[in-house]
Each structure stands twice: as structure tokens, then as C-alpha cells.
Amino acid sequence: MTDPAVPLVTAIAKALNTAGVPCVLWGKQLLNVYGVPSIADSLSSPLKQRLPSYFLLATDNEHLPKSRPGRGYGAFPSEEYSVLVPSAPVFLEALMRIYARASETRVMISARTEIIYIFQYVDPDGFLDEESLPEPFRSSYRELKAAVKPVRQWAQDLRDALEEHDKNRQQDNSGFQAISI
């Protein structure tokens, strides 16, 4: 079963790329590609070339599920035009960043919902390589899965870990920039 929006998404991605506008599938369409049942649209597409490891082609049957009754439509059926999707770990990391930084907004609620869908569908189906998640996302996601603390506390710990992570990156960068040759 293919979503009737796939030809439209493909045509839009092709038009954007032809105009030199890079794009990546996101939102409900991306969740459907990962096999999450349709619940609720976004896009992408590169020319056929070697992709960075954080992107997949939407037609990649090896790293994306096939269509299944009662679930999202899975990988796109043909390579008529290349549409990009972020890998599952990159998608999850982005959602966790959004969730941590958009507190008490509709965006945060949407990100939380999509994190739950990854936990319920993408991870158990074997399409999320947890080891590919960088810290602090890997340990934070594992805590969420294990339900070792209330979600509110988990979210605050994620925010704190991201603040510390970002502060350390800034210190590393500023130290490097301070060196004169």
C-alpha cells in the first residue's frame, strides 16, 4: 500500500531540488516512511549520489520498513525521483533536541508524540540503531525506554545534559580559536 501523497511529495521534492532548494522529508510523512501508522507532511530530495550516513533514500528497503497493513506505508515504491529522509538516529536526536528546547509549547508536544512513536514502532521494528545516537541522547533515550524516572524529570535531565554538552562544545571551540600560530 502506497500513500496517495507519495507522487505529490516526490514532485515537490523534484521541483525544489531543480530550483536549488535542498529539502528532507519530515513530520507525518517521515513517520509513515518508518512504518508508524498514519496519524496525522514534509519533504526532500537529492540527486542520486553518495549520501552522508545520516540520510537515506526514501526507497531504501534495507533500512526502512516495507508497507504493512495497519501501519505507515513504509519505503517509497520507486526511484522515479530521489527523496531524502534522515536516518532513524538522526530523526530521534532532532526530536529530542526540539523536545528539550521547546518547553511547554505545541512544538514540544508534537516532538514528544513523535519520540513515543519511535519508541513504540521504529525501535522495536529494528530500524533504530541506538548505538548510533551520540551522548547525551543515547543514555537519555535508554532512560526513557527503561522508565526509570517520571517523564517530567527525564525531560529536565535531558535539558540539563544538553546545556552541559553545548557548554563543553563552546569551551572546546573557544579554546581552539584562542590558539595563535
C-alpha atoms as a PDB file:
ATOM      1  CA  MET A   1       0.000   0.000   0.000  1.00  0.00           C
ATOM      2  CA  THR A   2       1.393   3.364  -1.005  1.00  0.00           C
ATOM      3  CA  ASP A   3       0.185   6.653   0.384  1.00  0.00           C
ATOM      4  CA  PRO A   4      -1.522   8.689  -2.336  1.00  0.00           C
ATOM      5  CA  ALA A   5       0.631  11.662  -1.262  1.00  0.00           C
ATOM      6  CA  VAL A   6       3.874   9.956  -2.409  1.00  0.00           C
ATOM      7  CA  PRO A   7       3.653  11.187  -6.041  1.00  0.00           C
ATOM      8  CA  LEU A   8       2.911  14.712  -4.808  1.00  0.00           C
ATOM      9  CA  VAL A   9       5.776  14.621  -2.281  1.00  0.00           C
ATOM     10  CA  THR A  10       8.101  13.306  -4.983  1.00  0.00           C
ATOM     11  CA  ALA A  11       7.025  16.017  -7.454  1.00  0.00           C
ATOM     12  CA  ILE A  12       7.502  18.766  -4.854  1.00  0.00           C
ATOM     13  CA  ALA A  13      10.941  17.425  -3.878  1.00  0.00           C
ATOM     14  CA  LYS A  14      11.936  17.321  -7.549  1.00  0.00           C
ATOM     15  CA  ALA A  15      10.744  20.904  -8.104  1.00  0.00           C
ATOM     16  CA  LEU A  16      12.577  22.166  -5.005  1.00  0.00           C
ATOM     17  CA  ASN A  17      15.815  20.445  -5.951  1.00  0.00           C
ATOM     18  CA  THR A  18      15.578  21.634  -9.540  1.00  0.00           C
ATOM     19  CA  ALA A  19      15.329  25.169  -8.129  1.00  0.00           C
ATOM     20  CA  GLY A  20      18.411  24.515  -5.968  1.00  0.00           C
ATOM     21  CA  VAL A  21      16.476  24.299  -2.700  1.00  0.00           C
ATOM     22  CA  PRO A  22      17.654  21.360  -0.552  1.00  0.00           C
ATOM     23  CA  CYS A  23      14.873  19.518   1.237  1.00  0.00           C
ATOM     24  CA  VAL A  24      14.385  16.493   3.503  1.00  0.00           C
ATOM     25  CA  LEU A  25      11.210  14.554   4.269  1.00  0.00           C
ATOM     26  CA  TRP A  26       9.925  15.370   7.769  1.00  0.00           C
ATOM     27  CA  GLY A  27       6.902  15.170  10.023  1.00  0.00           C
ATOM     28  CA  LYS A  28       3.982  12.844   9.408  1.00  0.00           C
ATOM     29  CA  GLN A  29       5.278  11.723   6.020  1.00  0.00           C
ATOM     30  CA  LEU A  30       8.619  10.727   7.587  1.00  0.00           C
ATOM     31  CA  LEU A  31       6.870   8.822  10.375  1.00  0.00           C
ATOM     32  CA  ASN A  32       4.901   6.924   7.709  1.00  0.00           C
ATOM     33  CA  VAL A  33       8.096   6.017   5.875  1.00  0.00           C
ATOM     34  CA  TYR A  34       9.369   4.488   9.133  1.00  0.00           C
ATOM     35  CA  GLY A  35       6.185   2.414   9.404  1.00  0.00           C
ATOM     36  CA  VAL A  36       4.332   4.444  12.012  1.00  0.00           C
ATOM     37  CA  PRO A  37       0.592   4.197  11.361  1.00  0.00           C
ATOM     38  CA  SER A  38      -0.826   7.278   9.715  1.00  0.00           C
ATOM     39  CA  ILE A  39      -1.805   9.715  12.430  1.00  0.00           C
ATOM     40  CA  ALA A  40      -1.715  12.886  11.126  1.00  0.00           C
ATOM     41  CA  ASP A  41       3.840  16.424   5.738  1.00  0.00           C
ATOM     42  CA  SER A  42       7.196  17.436   4.700  1.00  0.00           C
ATOM     43  CA  LEU A  43       9.775  16.621   2.015  1.00  0.00           C
ATOM     44  CA  SER A  44      13.175  16.131   0.492  1.00  0.00           C
ATOM     45  CA  SER A  45      15.384  15.023  -2.331  1.00  0.00           C
ATOM     46  CA  PRO A  46      18.951  14.966  -3.624  1.00  0.00           C
ATOM     47  CA  LEU A  47      20.335  13.938  -6.926  1.00  0.00           C
ATOM     48  CA  LYS A  48      21.436  10.304  -6.906  1.00  0.00           C
ATOM     49  CA  GLN A  49      24.865  10.476  -5.347  1.00  0.00           C
ATOM     50  CA  ARG A  50      26.722   9.113  -2.359  1.00  0.00           C
ATOM     51  CA  LEU A  51      24.732  10.136   0.697  1.00  0.00           C
ATOM     52  CA  PRO A  52      26.109  11.042   4.120  1.00  0.00           C
ATOM     53  CA  SER A  53      25.347   8.330   6.695  1.00  0.00           C
ATOM     54  CA  TYR A  54      22.716  10.495   8.343  1.00  0.00           C
ATOM     55  CA  PHE A  55      20.490  10.420   5.231  1.00  0.00           C
ATOM     56  CA  LEU A  56      18.680   7.585   3.461  1.00  0.00           C
ATOM     57  CA  LEU A  57      16.773   7.465   0.230  1.00  0.00           C
ATOM     58  CA  ALA A  58      13.054   7.073   0.899  1.00  0.00           C
ATOM     59  CA  THR A  59      13.169   3.966  -1.348  1.00  0.00           C
ATOM     60  CA  ASP A  60      15.770   2.190   0.857  1.00  0.00           C
ATOM     61  CA  ASN A  61      14.071  -1.161   1.623  1.00  0.00           C
ATOM     62  CA  GLU A  62      17.054  -2.312   3.674  1.00  0.00           C
ATOM     63  CA  HIS A  63      16.847   0.486   6.266  1.00  0.00           C
ATOM     64  CA  LEU A  64      13.152   1.337   6.040  1.00  0.00           C
ATOM     65  CA  PRO A  65      10.170  -0.969   6.537  1.00  0.00           C
ATOM     66  CA  LYS A  66       8.027  -2.267   3.741  1.00  0.00           C
ATOM     67  CA  SER A  67       4.353  -1.398   3.663  1.00  0.00           C
ATOM     68  CA  ARG A  68       2.291  -3.367   6.205  1.00  0.00           C
ATOM     69  CA  PRO A  69      -1.454  -3.354   6.844  1.00  0.00           C
ATOM     70  CA  GLY A  70      -2.373  -1.093   9.739  1.00  0.00           C
ATOM     71  CA  ARG A  71       0.995   0.672   9.693  1.00  0.00           C
ATOM     72  CA  GLY A  72       2.615   3.527   7.806  1.00  0.00           C
ATOM     73  CA  TYR A  73       3.271   2.992   4.115  1.00  0.00           C
ATOM     74  CA  GLY A  74       6.990   2.367   4.568  1.00  0.00           C
ATOM     75  CA  ALA A  75       9.657   2.946   1.946  1.00  0.00           C
ATOM     76  CA  PHE A  76       8.640   4.680  -1.255  1.00  0.00           C
ATOM     77  CA  PRO A  77       7.947   2.138  -4.014  1.00  0.00           C
ATOM     78  CA  SER A  78      10.097   3.522  -6.842  1.00  0.00           C
ATOM     79  CA  GLU A  79      13.191   5.536  -7.512  1.00  0.00           C
ATOM     80  CA  GLU A  80      11.495   7.766 -10.077  1.00  0.00           C
ATOM     81  CA  TYR A  81      12.987  10.694  -8.166  1.00  0.00           C
ATOM     82  CA  SER A  82      15.217  10.584  -5.084  1.00  0.00           C
ATOM     83  CA  VAL A  83      13.618  11.755  -1.848  1.00  0.00           C
ATOM     84  CA  LEU A  84      15.820  12.011   1.261  1.00  0.00           C
ATOM     85  CA  VAL A  85      14.907  11.049   4.803  1.00  0.00           C
ATOM     86  CA  PRO A  86      17.076  11.379   7.908  1.00  0.00           C
ATOM     87  CA  SER A  87      18.280   8.122   9.427  1.00  0.00           C
ATOM     88  CA  ALA A  88      16.288   6.983  12.471  1.00  0.00           C
ATOM     89  CA  PRO A  89      19.010   8.023  14.987  1.00  0.00           C
ATOM     90  CA  VAL A  90      19.289  11.494  13.412  1.00  0.00           C
ATOM     91  CA  PHE A  91      15.498  11.822  13.417  1.00  0.00           C
ATOM     92  CA  LEU A  92      15.322  10.834  17.104  1.00  0.00           C
ATOM     93  CA  GLU A  93      18.176  13.172  18.072  1.00  0.00           C
ATOM     94  CA  ALA A  94      16.452  16.083  16.315  1.00  0.00           C
ATOM     95  CA  LEU A  95      13.160  15.317  18.072  1.00  0.00           C
ATOM     96  CA  MET A  96      14.894  15.096  21.458  1.00  0.00           C
ATOM     97  CA  ARG A  97      16.596  18.459  20.845  1.00  0.00           C
ATOM     98  CA  ILE A  98      13.274  20.012  19.870  1.00  0.00           C
ATOM     99  CA  TYR A  99      11.554  18.484  22.882  1.00  0.00           C
ATOM    100  CA  ALA A 100      14.206  19.734  25.296  1.00  0.00           C
ATOM    101  CA  ARG A 101      14.318  23.264  23.908  1.00  0.00           C
ATOM    102  CA  ALA A 102      10.684  23.990  23.098  1.00  0.00           C
ATOM    103  CA  SER A 103       9.321  23.556  26.589  1.00  0.00           C
ATOM    104  CA  GLU A 104       5.611  23.952  27.213  1.00  0.00           C
ATOM    105  CA  THR A 105       4.718  24.617  23.558  1.00  0.00           C
ATOM    106  CA  ARG A 106       2.761  22.765  20.884  1.00  0.00           C
ATOM    107  CA  VAL A 107       6.077  22.029  19.198  1.00  0.00           C
ATOM    108  CA  MET A 108       7.265  20.261  22.349  1.00  0.00           C
ATOM    109  CA  ILE A 109       4.071  18.201  22.497  1.00  0.00           C
ATOM    110  CA  SER A 110       4.463  17.217  18.845  1.00  0.00           C
ATOM    111  CA  ALA A 111       8.113  16.236  19.388  1.00  0.00           C
ATOM    112  CA  ARG A 112       7.166  14.186  22.463  1.00  0.00           C
ATOM    113  CA  THR A 113       4.480  12.385  20.478  1.00  0.00           C
ATOM    114  CA  GLU A 114       6.920  11.557  17.679  1.00  0.00           C
ATOM    115  CA  ILE A 115       9.532  10.323  20.197  1.00  0.00           C
ATOM    116  CA  ILE A 116       6.874   7.984  21.590  1.00  0.00           C
ATOM    117  CA  TYR A 117       6.112   6.708  18.067  1.00  0.00           C
ATOM    118  CA  ILE A 118       9.798   5.960  17.511  1.00  0.00           C
ATOM    119  CA  PHE A 119       9.852   4.127  20.864  1.00  0.00           C
ATOM    120  CA  GLN A 120       6.668   2.164  20.024  1.00  0.00           C
ATOM    121  CA  TYR A 121       7.216   1.389  16.345  1.00  0.00           C
ATOM    122  CA  VAL A 122      10.607   2.247  14.827  1.00  0.00           C
ATOM    123  CA  ASP A 123      12.842   0.879  17.605  1.00  0.00           C
ATOM    124  CA  PRO A 124      11.006  -2.457  18.142  1.00  0.00           C
ATOM    125  CA  ASP A 125      10.934  -2.988  14.351  1.00  0.00           C
ATOM    126  CA  GLY A 126      14.753  -2.811  14.352  1.00  0.00           C
ATOM    127  CA  PHE A 127      15.131   0.422  12.374  1.00  0.00           C
ATOM    128  CA  LEU A 128      16.765   2.430  15.190  1.00  0.00           C
ATOM    129  CA  ASP A 129      20.424   1.729  15.937  1.00  0.00           C
ATOM    130  CA  GLU A 130      20.686   3.074  19.493  1.00  0.00           C
ATOM    131  CA  GLU A 131      24.465   2.809  19.371  1.00  0.00           C
ATOM    132  CA  SER A 132      24.467   5.439  16.607  1.00  0.00           C
ATOM    133  CA  LEU A 133      22.942   8.017  18.942  1.00  0.00           C
ATOM    134  CA  PRO A 134      25.609  10.355  20.342  1.00  0.00           C
ATOM    135  CA  GLU A 135      25.695  11.217  24.025  1.00  0.00           C
ATOM    136  CA  PRO A 136      23.777  12.536  25.846  1.00  0.00           C
ATOM    137  CA  PHE A 137      20.961  11.277  23.594  1.00  0.00           C
ATOM    138  CA  ARG A 138      21.827   7.568  23.831  1.00  0.00           C
ATOM    139  CA  SER A 139      21.774   7.411  27.628  1.00  0.00           C
ATOM    140  CA  SER A 140      18.749   9.689  27.813  1.00  0.00           C
ATOM    141  CA  TYR A 141      16.788   7.556  25.332  1.00  0.00           C
ATOM    142  CA  ARG A 142      17.724   4.406  27.275  1.00  0.00           C
ATOM    143  CA  GLU A 143      16.454   6.017  30.488  1.00  0.00           C
ATOM    144  CA  LEU A 144      13.191   6.890  28.760  1.00  0.00           C
ATOM    145  CA  LYS A 145      12.771   3.319  27.480  1.00  0.00           C
ATOM    146  CA  ALA A 146      13.531   1.833  30.890  1.00  0.00           C
ATOM    147  CA  ALA A 147      11.047   4.210  32.565  1.00  0.00           C
ATOM    148  CA  VAL A 148      13.468   4.754  35.449  1.00  0.00           C
ATOM    149  CA  LYS A 149      12.044   8.191  36.276  1.00  0.00           C
ATOM    150  CA  PRO A 150       8.961  10.291  35.611  1.00  0.00           C
ATOM    151  CA  VAL A 151       8.886  11.891  32.145  1.00  0.00           C
ATOM    152  CA  ARG A 152       8.996  15.398  33.617  1.00  0.00           C
ATOM    153  CA  GLN A 153      12.234  14.558  35.462  1.00  0.00           C
ATOM    154  CA  TRP A 154      13.608  12.810  32.365  1.00  0.00           C
ATOM    155  CA  ALA A 155      12.921  15.933  30.281  1.00  0.00           C
ATOM    156  CA  GLN A 156      14.648  18.204  32.816  1.00  0.00           C
ATOM    157  CA  ASP A 157      17.661  15.876  32.941  1.00  0.00           C
ATOM    158  CA  LEU A 158      17.811  15.937  29.126  1.00  0.00           C
ATOM    159  CA  ARG A 159      17.708  19.760  29.139  1.00  0.00           C
ATOM    160  CA  ASP A 160      20.499  19.860  31.740  1.00  0.00           C
ATOM    161  CA  ALA A 161      22.609  17.349  29.810  1.00  0.00           C
ATOM    162  CA  LEU A 162      22.179  19.341  26.585  1.00  0.00           C
ATOM    163  CA  GLU A 163      23.137  22.587  28.347  1.00  0.00           C
ATOM    164  CA  GLU A 164      26.290  20.929  29.686  1.00  0.00           C
ATOM    165  CA  HIS A 165      27.022  19.338  26.305  1.00  0.00           C
ATOM    166  CA  ASP A 166      26.628  22.668  24.495  1.00  0.00           C
ATOM    167  CA  LYS A 167      28.722  24.497  27.101  1.00  0.00           C
ATOM    168  CA  ASN A 168      31.538  21.949  26.720  1.00  0.00           C
ATOM    169  CA  ARG A 169      31.403  22.278  22.922  1.00  0.00           C
ATOM    170  CA  GLN A 170      31.640  26.064  23.198  1.00  0.00           C
ATOM    171  CA  GLN A 171      34.622  25.781  25.559  1.00  0.00           C
ATOM    172  CA  ASP A 172      36.312  23.333  23.196  1.00  0.00           C
ATOM    173  CA  ASN A 173      35.717  25.635  20.256  1.00  0.00           C
ATOM    174  CA  SER A 174      36.800  28.766  22.110  1.00  0.00           C
ATOM    175  CA  GLY A 175      39.996  27.075  23.317  1.00  0.00           C
ATOM    176  CA  PHE A 176      40.835  26.065  19.787  1.00  0.00           C
ATOM    177  CA  GLN A 177      40.176  29.548  18.458  1.00  0.00           C
ATOM    178  CA  ALA A 178      42.352  31.131  21.150  1.00  0.00           C
ATOM    179  CA  ILE A 179      45.493  29.351  19.959  1.00  0.00           C
ATOM    180  CA  SER A 180      47.656  31.627  17.850  1.00  0.00           C
ATOM    181  CA  ILE A 181      50.273  30.383  15.457  1.00  0.00           C
END
